Amino acid sequence: MTKAVSVKVTGRVQGVSFRWYAFREARRLDVHGWVRNEPDGSVLAHVEGDEAAVDAMVEWCRHGPSYASVRDVAVTEARSSGTDVFEIRY
């Protein structure tokens, strides 16, 4: 079953390679979508794929890479875009 979510991560999540590590984790989990920095200092991601893999990606976002300090992760349901890649957006 395919699941799609929007994930907003707040805290010290910019300037710590969060997007690059998220890209790496997404490839490992075989989920699709994108990740980008937001003007408010948060990181926003769209993640879709197998339900268990999407849940695992959300769980990874709760801590992120070692230099990150995640304060909050807000998850909302999203529409599947049908993409077959995961990319870093600028």
C-alpha atoms as a PDB file:
ATOM      1  CA  MET A   1       0.000   0.000   0.000  1.00  0.00           C
ATOM      2  CA  THR A   2       1.337   3.433  -0.932  1.00  0.00           C
ATOM      3  CA  LYS A   3       1.420   6.163   1.679  1.00  0.00           C
ATOM      4  CA  ALA A   4       2.307   9.848   1.208  1.00  0.00           C
ATOM      5  CA  VAL A   5       3.064  12.397   3.919  1.00  0.00           C
ATOM      6  CA  SER A   6       4.375  15.909   4.334  1.00  0.00           C
ATOM      7  CA  VAL A   7       6.970  16.210   7.102  1.00  0.00           C
ATOM      8  CA  LYS A   8       7.997  19.547   8.659  1.00  0.00           C
ATOM      9  CA  VAL A   9      11.081  19.296  10.872  1.00  0.00           C
ATOM     10  CA  THR A  10      11.986  22.168  13.190  1.00  0.00           C
ATOM     11  CA  GLY A  11      14.968  22.830  15.418  1.00  0.00           C
ATOM     12  CA  ARG A  12      18.598  23.127  14.360  1.00  0.00           C
ATOM     13  CA  VAL A  13      18.047  21.387  11.040  1.00  0.00           C
ATOM     14  CA  GLN A  14      19.599  23.758   8.493  1.00  0.00           C
ATOM     15  CA  GLY A  15      23.348  23.966   8.047  1.00  0.00           C
ATOM     16  CA  VAL A  16      23.849  20.431   9.396  1.00  0.00           C
ATOM     17  CA  SER A  17      23.494  18.472   6.098  1.00  0.00           C
ATOM     18  CA  PHE A  18      19.968  17.373   7.033  1.00  0.00           C
ATOM     19  CA  ARG A  19      18.834  17.329   3.381  1.00  0.00           C
ATOM     20  CA  TRP A  20      21.793  15.270   2.209  1.00  0.00           C
ATOM     21  CA  TYR A  21      21.377  12.690   4.975  1.00  0.00           C
ATOM     22  CA  ALA A  22      17.605  12.608   4.345  1.00  0.00           C
ATOM     23  CA  PHE A  23      18.334  11.924   0.662  1.00  0.00           C
ATOM     24  CA  ARG A  24      20.665   9.091   1.653  1.00  0.00           C
ATOM     25  CA  GLU A  25      18.128   7.601   4.077  1.00  0.00           C
ATOM     26  CA  ALA A  26      15.324   7.882   1.525  1.00  0.00           C
ATOM     27  CA  ARG A  27      17.389   5.942  -1.003  1.00  0.00           C
ATOM     28  CA  ARG A  28      18.174   3.286   1.614  1.00  0.00           C
ATOM     29  CA  LEU A  29      14.478   2.934   2.466  1.00  0.00           C
ATOM     30  CA  ASP A  30      13.372   3.158  -1.194  1.00  0.00           C
ATOM     31  CA  VAL A  31      10.934   6.024  -0.634  1.00  0.00           C
ATOM     32  CA  HIS A  32      10.306   8.806  -3.123  1.00  0.00           C
ATOM     33  CA  GLY A  33       9.634  12.541  -2.973  1.00  0.00           C
ATOM     34  CA  TRP A  34      11.787  15.527  -2.039  1.00  0.00           C
ATOM     35  CA  VAL A  35      13.332  17.530   0.779  1.00  0.00           C
ATOM     36  CA  ARG A  36      14.044  21.274   0.992  1.00  0.00           C
ATOM     37  CA  ASN A  37      15.001  24.043   3.406  1.00  0.00           C
ATOM     38  CA  GLU A  38      12.253  26.511   4.263  1.00  0.00           C
ATOM     39  CA  PRO A  39      12.700  30.263   4.840  1.00  0.00           C
ATOM     40  CA  ASP A  40      11.613  29.882   8.499  1.00  0.00           C
ATOM     41  CA  GLY A  41      14.602  27.623   9.263  1.00  0.00           C
ATOM     42  CA  SER A  42      12.701  24.350   9.101  1.00  0.00           C
ATOM     43  CA  VAL A  43      13.121  21.468   6.668  1.00  0.00           C
ATOM     44  CA  LEU A  44      10.110  20.264   4.677  1.00  0.00           C
ATOM     45  CA  ALA A  45       9.885  16.868   3.020  1.00  0.00           C
ATOM     46  CA  HIS A  46       7.350  15.052   0.891  1.00  0.00           C
ATOM     47  CA  VAL A  47       7.749  11.298   1.344  1.00  0.00           C
ATOM     48  CA  GLU A  48       5.839   8.539  -0.407  1.00  0.00           C
ATOM     49  CA  GLY A  49       6.115   4.821  -0.881  1.00  0.00           C
ATOM     50  CA  ASP A  50       5.494   1.626   1.047  1.00  0.00           C
ATOM     51  CA  GLU A  51       3.726   2.404   4.332  1.00  0.00           C
ATOM     52  CA  ALA A  52       6.385   0.803   6.533  1.00  0.00           C
ATOM     53  CA  ALA A  53       9.205   2.570   4.672  1.00  0.00           C
ATOM     54  CA  VAL A  54       7.466   5.966   4.907  1.00  0.00           C
ATOM     55  CA  ASP A  55       6.930   5.413   8.644  1.00  0.00           C
ATOM     56  CA  ALA A  56      10.624   4.533   9.001  1.00  0.00           C
ATOM     57  CA  MET A  57      11.618   7.740   7.161  1.00  0.00           C
ATOM     58  CA  VAL A  58       9.398   9.815   9.470  1.00  0.00           C
ATOM     59  CA  GLU A  59      11.005   8.116  12.460  1.00  0.00           C
ATOM     60  CA  TRP A  60      14.468   8.954  11.079  1.00  0.00           C
ATOM     61  CA  CYS A  61      13.375  12.606  10.761  1.00  0.00           C
ATOM     62  CA  ARG A  62      12.701  12.659  14.513  1.00  0.00           C
ATOM     63  CA  HIS A  63      16.462  12.673  15.144  1.00  0.00           C
ATOM     64  CA  GLY A  64      18.088  13.386  11.748  1.00  0.00           C
ATOM     65  CA  PRO A  65      21.868  13.438  11.303  1.00  0.00           C
ATOM     66  CA  SER A  66      24.227  13.658  14.265  1.00  0.00           C
ATOM     67  CA  TYR A  67      24.711  17.460  14.105  1.00  0.00           C
ATOM     68  CA  ALA A  68      20.969  18.181  13.982  1.00  0.00           C
ATOM     69  CA  SER A  69      18.892  19.030  17.019  1.00  0.00           C
ATOM     70  CA  VAL A  70      15.297  18.223  16.129  1.00  0.00           C
ATOM     71  CA  ARG A  71      12.709  20.049  18.231  1.00  0.00           C
ATOM     72  CA  ASP A  72       9.508  18.922  16.503  1.00  0.00           C
ATOM     73  CA  VAL A  73       8.278  16.841  13.585  1.00  0.00           C
ATOM     74  CA  ALA A  74       4.826  17.607  12.185  1.00  0.00           C
ATOM     75  CA  VAL A  75       3.403  14.962   9.868  1.00  0.00           C
ATOM     76  CA  THR A  76       0.339  15.442   7.678  1.00  0.00           C
ATOM     77  CA  GLU A  77      -1.211  13.207   5.065  1.00  0.00           C
ATOM     78  CA  ALA A  78      -0.443  14.204   1.496  1.00  0.00           C
ATOM     79  CA  ARG A  79      -1.421  13.247  -2.011  1.00  0.00           C
ATOM     80  CA  SER A  80       0.874  10.873  -3.818  1.00  0.00           C
ATOM     81  CA  SER A  81       2.656  12.562  -6.705  1.00  0.00           C
ATOM     82  CA  GLY A  82       3.598   9.298  -8.370  1.00  0.00           C
ATOM     83  CA  THR A  83       7.269  10.217  -8.523  1.00  0.00           C
ATOM     84  CA  ASP A  84       9.848   7.451  -8.661  1.00  0.00           C
ATOM     85  CA  VAL A  85      12.823   9.467  -7.326  1.00  0.00           C
ATOM     86  CA  PHE A  86      13.819  11.310  -4.166  1.00  0.00           C
ATOM     87  CA  GLU A  87      15.495  14.664  -4.692  1.00  0.00           C
ATOM     88  CA  ILE A  88      16.939  17.578  -2.809  1.00  0.00           C
ATOM     89  CA  ARG A  89      15.194  20.789  -3.787  1.00  0.00           C
ATOM     90  CA  TYR A  90      16.815  24.193  -3.572  1.00  0.00           C
END
